Amino acid sequence: MTGEDIGHDDDTTSRGERTRRSQTKQTLRTKKNPIPSFLHFPSPTSSLSPAAASKARTTTAMAAPASALDSAWQYLIGNFSEFQLATVVTFLLHETVFFLSGLPSLLFERFGLFAKYKIQKKSNAPAYQNRCVLRLILYHVCVNLPVMIFSYPAFKFMGLRSSLPLPHWTVVVSQILFYFVLEDFIFYWGHRALHTKWLYKHVHSVHHEYATPFGLTSEYAHPAEILFLGFATIVGPALTGPHLFTLWLWMVLRVLETVEAHSGYHFPWSPSNFLPLYGGSDFHDYHHRVLYTKSGNYASTFVYMDWLFGTDRDYRKTKAIEEKEAKNL
């Protein structure tokens, strides 16, 4: 056998060995990942530069939540009519958010929890709390739900829609900020009117039956007041003709705000400690605990309307006295 033949055999053996090794590795990979190769798709970033691939992954990760939200919304509009979503589902969403956010302050008061953060030392009797809850259920079913049902055509006329795509976040944020400012302005004047002698005696006094408020008392009111001040909440959306998603978010935020303002507790983490111009529980609790002709603090969310028109003077004086007394202790 010549040297050339020996070299050829060695080369053949070497290639055969490499082939066997490759087959062995492929077998191991197949055992480790039994998915057939034709089901594997190349990564969309595999052909990109490292920087471009990183940017693509970041963009995909940011888009994922939006896609999930779109999918959830598609499920809703695919299984319910717009009328059902705008009325019954809206009502159920409101009730869920309202009672889940309002019950904690009721329980805190009933069981004496977080007493050091309670604004007033007085507490409502359990029977008085239960009375509030039962009447709220009655008012919501007999007043709120029918209003939602009968106002649907008006909202539809104003441009309410529920279809995809969902509005851009900048549109949602700008509209909700507009709703808050407009609602606060209208609520201030409507609430101030309710504190005139006749309207207070025949309408608004129902809401003030609870001089020591807790979260659920935020919507405890005369049916006429529910309609009167409810106008302040819906006029903004009626003007802009919002997407139903925006309307739901506005409703949830408004409910959380008014429940917090009536909670009767001022915690270190209360929003008024961090948000400029926000009134919150301490601001509104004063409104409930003084005589109706001197209460002031009529605005729903912010403090600037009361400051501009001088209806927070007594509150400011009281706060100054309390802070001075606290320093002398």
Protein backbone atom coordinates (compact mmCIF):
# COMPACT_ATOMS: atom_id res chain seq x y z
CA MET A 1 0.00 0.00 0.00
CA THR A 2 1.43 3.37 -0.96
CA GLY A 3 1.75 6.38 1.28
CA GLU A 4 -0.87 8.08 -0.83
CA ASP A 5 -3.33 5.25 -0.11
CA ILE A 6 -2.57 5.42 3.62
CA GLY A 7 -3.15 9.18 3.67
CA HIS A 8 -6.41 8.71 1.79
CA ASP A 9 -7.60 6.11 4.31
CA ASP A 10 -6.69 8.38 7.24
CA ASP A 11 -8.57 11.23 5.66
CA THR A 12 -11.60 9.00 5.09
CA THR A 13 -11.42 7.76 8.68
CA SER A 14 -11.16 11.34 9.95
CA ARG A 15 -14.21 12.41 7.95
CA GLY A 16 -16.13 9.40 9.15
CA GLU A 17 -15.23 10.20 12.75
CA ARG A 18 -16.37 13.78 12.35
CA THR A 19 -19.65 12.61 10.82
CA ARG A 20 -20.28 10.23 13.72
CA ARG A 21 -19.55 13.01 16.24
CA SER A 22 -21.92 15.34 14.43
CA GLN A 23 -24.64 12.70 14.41
CA THR A 24 -24.09 12.01 18.11
CA LYS A 25 -24.42 15.74 18.95
CA GLN A 26 -27.56 16.02 16.83
CA THR A 27 -29.04 12.99 18.60
CA LEU A 28 -28.33 14.54 21.99
CA ARG A 29 -29.91 17.82 20.92
CA THR A 30 -32.95 15.97 19.65
CA LYS A 31 -33.34 14.12 22.95
CA LYS A 32 -32.93 17.35 24.87
CA ASN A 33 -35.35 19.26 22.64
CA PRO A 34 -37.70 16.82 20.92
CA ILE A 35 -39.48 19.51 18.85
CA PRO A 36 -38.90 18.77 15.14
CA SER A 37 -36.53 21.11 13.38
CA PHE A 38 -39.17 22.27 10.89
CA LEU A 39 -41.13 23.81 13.80
CA HIS A 40 -38.21 25.99 14.87
CA PHE A 41 -38.31 29.48 13.50
CA PRO A 42 -35.28 31.75 13.38
CA SER A 43 -35.26 34.60 15.85
CA PRO A 44 -36.37 37.86 14.20
CA THR A 45 -33.27 39.49 15.67
CA SER A 46 -30.79 36.77 14.63
CA SER A 47 -29.74 38.60 11.48
CA LEU A 48 -29.45 42.00 13.16
CA SER A 49 -26.45 43.68 14.70
CA PRO A 50 -26.19 43.43 18.51
CA ALA A 51 -27.37 47.04 18.97
CA ALA A 52 -30.28 46.65 16.55
CA ALA A 53 -31.25 43.31 18.10
CA SER A 54 -31.29 44.84 21.57
CA LYS A 55 -33.50 47.69 20.36
CA ALA A 56 -35.85 45.24 18.63
CA ARG A 57 -36.18 43.14 21.79
CA THR A 58 -36.93 46.26 23.85
CA THR A 59 -39.59 47.39 21.36
CA THR A 60 -41.19 43.95 21.37
CA ALA A 61 -41.25 43.84 25.19
CA MET A 62 -42.90 47.28 25.32
CA ALA A 63 -45.48 46.27 22.72
CA ALA A 64 -46.43 43.03 24.50
CA PRO A 65 -48.65 44.64 27.21
CA ALA A 66 -50.49 46.65 24.54
CA SER A 67 -51.11 43.48 22.56
CA ALA A 68 -52.43 41.75 25.67
CA LEU A 69 -54.74 44.70 26.33
CA ASP A 70 -55.93 44.65 22.74
CA SER A 71 -56.60 40.91 23.00
CA ALA A 72 -58.59 41.38 26.22
CA TRP A 73 -60.57 44.20 24.62
CA GLN A 74 -61.19 42.07 21.53
CA TYR A 75 -62.63 39.38 23.79
CA LEU A 76 -65.01 41.89 25.39
CA ILE A 77 -66.31 43.40 22.17
CA GLY A 78 -66.51 39.94 20.62
CA ASN A 79 -68.69 38.52 23.40
CA PHE A 80 -70.79 41.51 24.47
CA SER A 81 -72.68 44.17 22.57
CA GLU A 82 -71.64 47.78 22.98
CA PHE A 83 -74.91 48.46 24.79
CA GLN A 84 -74.16 45.69 27.31
CA LEU A 85 -70.61 46.96 27.84
CA ALA A 86 -71.67 50.58 28.26
CA THR A 87 -74.48 49.80 30.70
CA VAL A 88 -74.47 46.51 32.61
CA VAL A 89 -70.71 45.88 32.49
CA THR A 90 -70.02 49.50 33.38
CA PHE A 91 -72.37 49.20 36.34
CA LEU A 92 -70.69 45.99 37.54
CA LEU A 93 -67.25 47.56 37.17
CA HIS A 94 -68.37 50.57 39.19
CA GLU A 95 -69.86 48.42 41.95
CA THR A 96 -66.74 46.26 42.17
CA VAL A 97 -64.32 49.18 42.40
CA PHE A 98 -66.57 51.16 44.74
CA PHE A 99 -67.21 48.47 47.32
CA LEU A 100 -63.70 46.98 47.24
CA SER A 101 -62.13 50.41 47.79
CA GLY A 102 -64.76 51.63 50.26
CA LEU A 103 -65.09 48.65 52.58
CA PRO A 104 -61.58 48.86 54.13
CA SER A 105 -62.23 52.19 55.90
CA LEU A 106 -65.55 50.82 57.20
CA LEU A 107 -63.72 47.81 58.66
CA PHE A 108 -60.90 49.97 60.03
CA GLU A 109 -63.46 52.05 61.90
CA ARG A 110 -65.49 49.07 63.09
CA PHE A 111 -62.51 47.18 64.51
CA GLY A 112 -60.46 50.18 65.65
CA LEU A 113 -57.64 49.59 63.19
CA PHE A 114 -55.13 52.35 62.31
CA ALA A 115 -56.70 54.54 65.00
CA LYS A 116 -53.75 56.93 65.07
CA TYR A 117 -54.44 57.86 61.45
CA LYS A 118 -58.16 58.45 61.95
CA ILE A 119 -58.98 62.12 61.42
CA GLN A 120 -61.93 62.22 63.83
CA LYS A 121 -61.93 60.29 67.09
CA LYS A 122 -65.65 59.58 66.82
CA SER A 123 -66.83 56.41 65.11
CA ASN A 124 -70.07 55.28 63.51
CA ALA A 125 -72.01 52.46 65.17
CA PRO A 126 -72.12 49.19 63.20
CA ALA A 127 -75.87 49.53 62.69
CA TYR A 128 -75.34 53.00 61.23
CA GLN A 129 -72.71 51.63 58.85
CA ASN A 130 -74.99 48.79 57.77
CA ARG A 131 -77.79 51.25 57.09
CA CYS A 132 -75.48 53.13 54.74
CA VAL A 133 -74.52 49.97 52.83
CA LEU A 134 -78.11 48.82 52.36
CA ARG A 135 -79.29 52.20 51.14
CA LEU A 136 -76.34 52.41 48.77
CA ILE A 137 -77.31 49.12 47.15
CA LEU A 138 -80.88 50.40 46.78
CA TYR A 139 -79.77 53.74 45.29
CA HIS A 140 -77.31 52.12 42.90
CA VAL A 141 -79.77 49.57 41.55
CA CYS A 142 -82.76 51.92 41.41
CA VAL A 143 -81.00 55.13 40.32
CA ASN A 144 -77.49 54.57 38.95
CA LEU A 145 -78.24 51.56 36.75
CA PRO A 146 -81.34 53.09 35.08
CA VAL A 147 -79.40 56.32 34.46
CA MET A 148 -76.62 54.35 32.74
CA ILE A 149 -79.15 52.51 30.59
CA PHE A 150 -81.17 55.55 29.54
CA SER A 151 -78.11 57.76 28.96
CA TYR A 152 -76.53 55.32 26.49
CA PRO A 153 -78.22 56.82 23.40
CA ALA A 154 -77.00 60.28 24.43
CA PHE A 155 -73.43 59.05 24.81
CA LYS A 156 -73.68 57.24 21.49
CA PHE A 157 -74.88 60.46 19.88
CA MET A 158 -71.91 62.28 21.44
CA GLY A 159 -69.45 59.85 19.84
CA LEU A 160 -68.93 57.01 22.31
CA ARG A 161 -67.19 54.04 20.66
CA SER A 162 -65.84 50.70 21.81
CA SER A 163 -64.09 49.33 18.72
CA LEU A 164 -60.39 48.69 18.22
CA PRO A 165 -57.88 50.25 18.04
CA LEU A 166 -57.78 51.54 21.60
CA PRO A 167 -56.90 55.23 21.89
CA HIS A 168 -53.25 56.22 22.27
CA TRP A 169 -52.14 56.73 25.86
CA THR A 170 -51.54 60.45 25.27
CA VAL A 171 -55.19 60.85 24.24
CA VAL A 172 -56.37 58.90 27.29
CA VAL A 173 -54.23 60.91 29.73
CA SER A 174 -55.12 64.30 28.23
CA GLN A 175 -58.84 63.53 28.22
CA ILE A 176 -58.87 62.28 31.82
CA LEU A 177 -56.96 65.34 33.02
CA PHE A 178 -59.54 67.49 31.24
CA TYR A 179 -62.35 65.52 32.90
CA PHE A 180 -60.85 66.01 36.36
CA VAL A 181 -60.44 69.78 35.94
CA LEU A 182 -63.89 70.28 34.40
CA GLU A 183 -65.61 68.01 36.93
CA ASP A 184 -63.94 69.82 39.83
CA PHE A 185 -65.07 73.22 38.49
CA ILE A 186 -68.70 72.16 37.96
CA PHE A 187 -68.83 70.17 41.20
CA TYR A 188 -67.57 73.18 43.19
CA TRP A 189 -70.45 75.42 42.11
CA GLY A 190 -73.05 72.66 42.29
CA HIS A 191 -71.90 71.60 45.74
CA ARG A 192 -71.82 75.19 46.92
CA ALA A 193 -75.40 75.62 45.70
CA LEU A 194 -76.41 72.52 47.68
CA HIS A 195 -75.26 74.29 50.84
CA THR A 196 -77.85 77.03 50.45
CA LYS A 197 -80.60 76.73 53.06
CA TRP A 198 -83.42 75.17 51.01
CA LEU A 199 -81.31 72.72 48.98
CA TYR A 200 -79.37 71.64 52.03
CA LYS A 201 -82.50 70.97 54.06
CA HIS A 202 -84.34 69.04 51.35
CA VAL A 203 -81.50 67.38 49.42
CA HIS A 204 -77.91 67.63 50.60
CA SER A 205 -78.59 66.97 54.29
CA VAL A 206 -78.92 63.26 53.41
CA HIS A 207 -75.24 63.11 52.48
CA HIS A 208 -74.31 64.95 55.69
CA GLU A 209 -76.11 62.46 57.92
CA TYR A 210 -72.64 60.99 58.31
CA ALA A 211 -70.64 63.74 60.00
CA THR A 212 -67.86 61.18 60.48
CA PRO A 213 -67.46 59.84 56.96
CA PHE A 214 -66.02 56.52 55.82
CA GLY A 215 -65.30 55.49 52.24
CA LEU A 216 -68.76 54.25 51.29
CA THR A 217 -70.47 57.45 52.41
CA SER A 218 -68.97 59.12 49.33
CA GLU A 219 -71.98 58.01 47.26
CA TYR A 220 -74.55 58.09 50.03
CA ALA A 221 -76.82 60.90 48.89
CA HIS A 222 -80.34 61.92 47.96
CA PRO A 223 -81.34 60.57 44.51
CA ALA A 224 -81.75 64.16 43.28
CA GLU A 225 -78.17 64.90 44.34
CA ILE A 226 -76.92 61.79 42.57
CA LEU A 227 -78.39 63.14 39.35
CA PHE A 228 -77.41 66.77 40.04
CA LEU A 229 -73.73 66.19 40.86
CA GLY A 230 -73.50 63.16 38.58
CA PHE A 231 -73.78 65.64 35.71
CA ALA A 232 -70.36 67.01 36.68
CA THR A 233 -68.86 63.56 36.18
CA ILE A 234 -70.34 62.83 32.76
CA VAL A 235 -70.21 66.25 31.09
CA GLY A 236 -66.52 65.92 30.18
CA PRO A 237 -66.91 62.54 28.46
CA ALA A 238 -70.11 63.77 26.79
CA LEU A 239 -68.18 66.70 25.28
CA THR A 240 -65.26 64.64 23.97
CA GLY A 241 -67.13 61.52 22.88
CA PRO A 242 -64.58 59.14 24.40
CA HIS A 243 -63.67 55.57 23.79
CA LEU A 244 -65.38 53.27 26.29
CA PHE A 245 -61.95 52.27 27.62
CA THR A 246 -61.23 55.92 28.52
CA LEU A 247 -64.66 56.25 30.10
CA TRP A 248 -64.05 53.19 32.27
CA LEU A 249 -60.65 54.43 33.39
CA TRP A 250 -62.10 57.84 34.24
CA MET A 251 -64.89 56.23 36.25
CA VAL A 252 -62.46 54.04 38.19
CA LEU A 253 -60.15 56.95 39.03
CA ARG A 254 -63.05 59.19 40.04
CA VAL A 255 -64.48 56.49 42.32
CA LEU A 256 -61.10 55.89 43.96
CA GLU A 257 -60.63 59.63 44.47
CA THR A 258 -63.99 60.26 46.12
CA VAL A 259 -63.72 57.12 48.29
CA GLU A 260 -60.30 58.27 49.51
CA ALA A 261 -61.63 61.78 50.22
CA HIS A 262 -64.40 60.31 52.39
CA SER A 263 -62.30 57.58 54.02
CA GLY A 264 -61.90 59.41 57.33
CA TYR A 265 -58.22 58.43 57.49
CA HIS A 266 -55.12 60.41 56.61
CA PHE A 267 -52.17 58.06 56.14
CA PRO A 268 -48.51 58.90 55.46
CA TRP A 269 -49.10 57.46 51.99
CA SER A 270 -52.28 59.44 51.31
CA PRO A 271 -52.20 61.10 47.86
CA SER A 272 -52.49 64.62 49.30
CA ASN A 273 -49.01 64.19 50.79
CA PHE A 274 -47.54 63.81 47.31
CA LEU A 275 -49.86 65.44 44.76
CA PRO A 276 -49.86 69.26 44.62
CA LEU A 277 -53.31 70.89 44.72
CA TYR A 278 -54.99 67.59 45.65
CA GLY A 279 -57.46 67.92 48.54
CA GLY A 280 -57.93 64.40 49.82
CA SER A 281 -59.37 63.03 53.04
CA ASP A 282 -58.18 65.68 55.48
CA PHE A 283 -59.49 68.50 53.28
CA HIS A 284 -62.93 66.95 52.78
CA ASP A 285 -63.32 65.53 56.29
CA TYR A 286 -63.38 69.11 57.60
CA HIS A 287 -66.33 69.78 55.28
CA HIS A 288 -68.34 67.04 57.01
CA ARG A 289 -67.58 67.81 60.63
CA VAL A 290 -68.56 71.49 60.83
CA LEU A 291 -71.89 73.32 60.48
CA TYR A 292 -73.10 73.31 56.88
CA THR A 293 -73.15 77.12 56.64
CA LYS A 294 -69.45 77.31 57.58
CA SER A 295 -68.05 74.15 56.10
CA GLY A 296 -66.42 75.40 52.89
CA ASN A 297 -64.07 73.04 51.01
CA TYR A 298 -66.67 72.49 48.31
CA ALA A 299 -64.43 71.21 45.50
CA SER A 300 -64.32 67.49 44.79
CA THR A 301 -60.66 66.87 43.94
CA PHE A 302 -58.45 69.95 44.01
CA VAL A 303 -58.01 72.83 46.46
CA TYR A 304 -57.52 75.82 44.16
CA MET A 305 -61.22 76.59 43.62
CA ASP A 306 -61.81 76.98 47.36
CA TRP A 307 -58.61 79.01 47.65
CA LEU A 308 -59.57 81.31 44.76
CA PHE A 309 -63.05 82.02 46.17
CA GLY A 310 -62.06 82.07 49.84
CA THR A 311 -64.23 79.14 50.90
CA ASP A 312 -61.33 77.40 52.64
CA ARG A 313 -60.46 80.20 55.09
CA ASP A 314 -61.93 78.51 58.18
CA TYR A 315 -60.21 75.27 57.24
CA ARG A 316 -56.84 77.02 56.92
CA LYS A 317 -57.31 78.76 60.27
CA THR A 318 -58.23 75.48 61.95
CA LYS A 319 -55.20 73.73 60.44
CA ALA A 320 -52.90 76.53 61.63
CA ILE A 321 -54.24 76.22 65.18
CA GLU A 322 -53.90 72.43 65.15
CA GLU A 323 -50.32 72.62 63.91
CA LYS A 324 -49.44 75.21 66.56
CA GLU A 325 -50.94 73.05 69.32
CA ALA A 326 -49.05 70.01 68.01
CA LYS A 327 -45.75 71.88 68.25
CA ASN A 328 -46.44 72.89 71.85
CA LEU A 329 -47.05 69.31 72.97
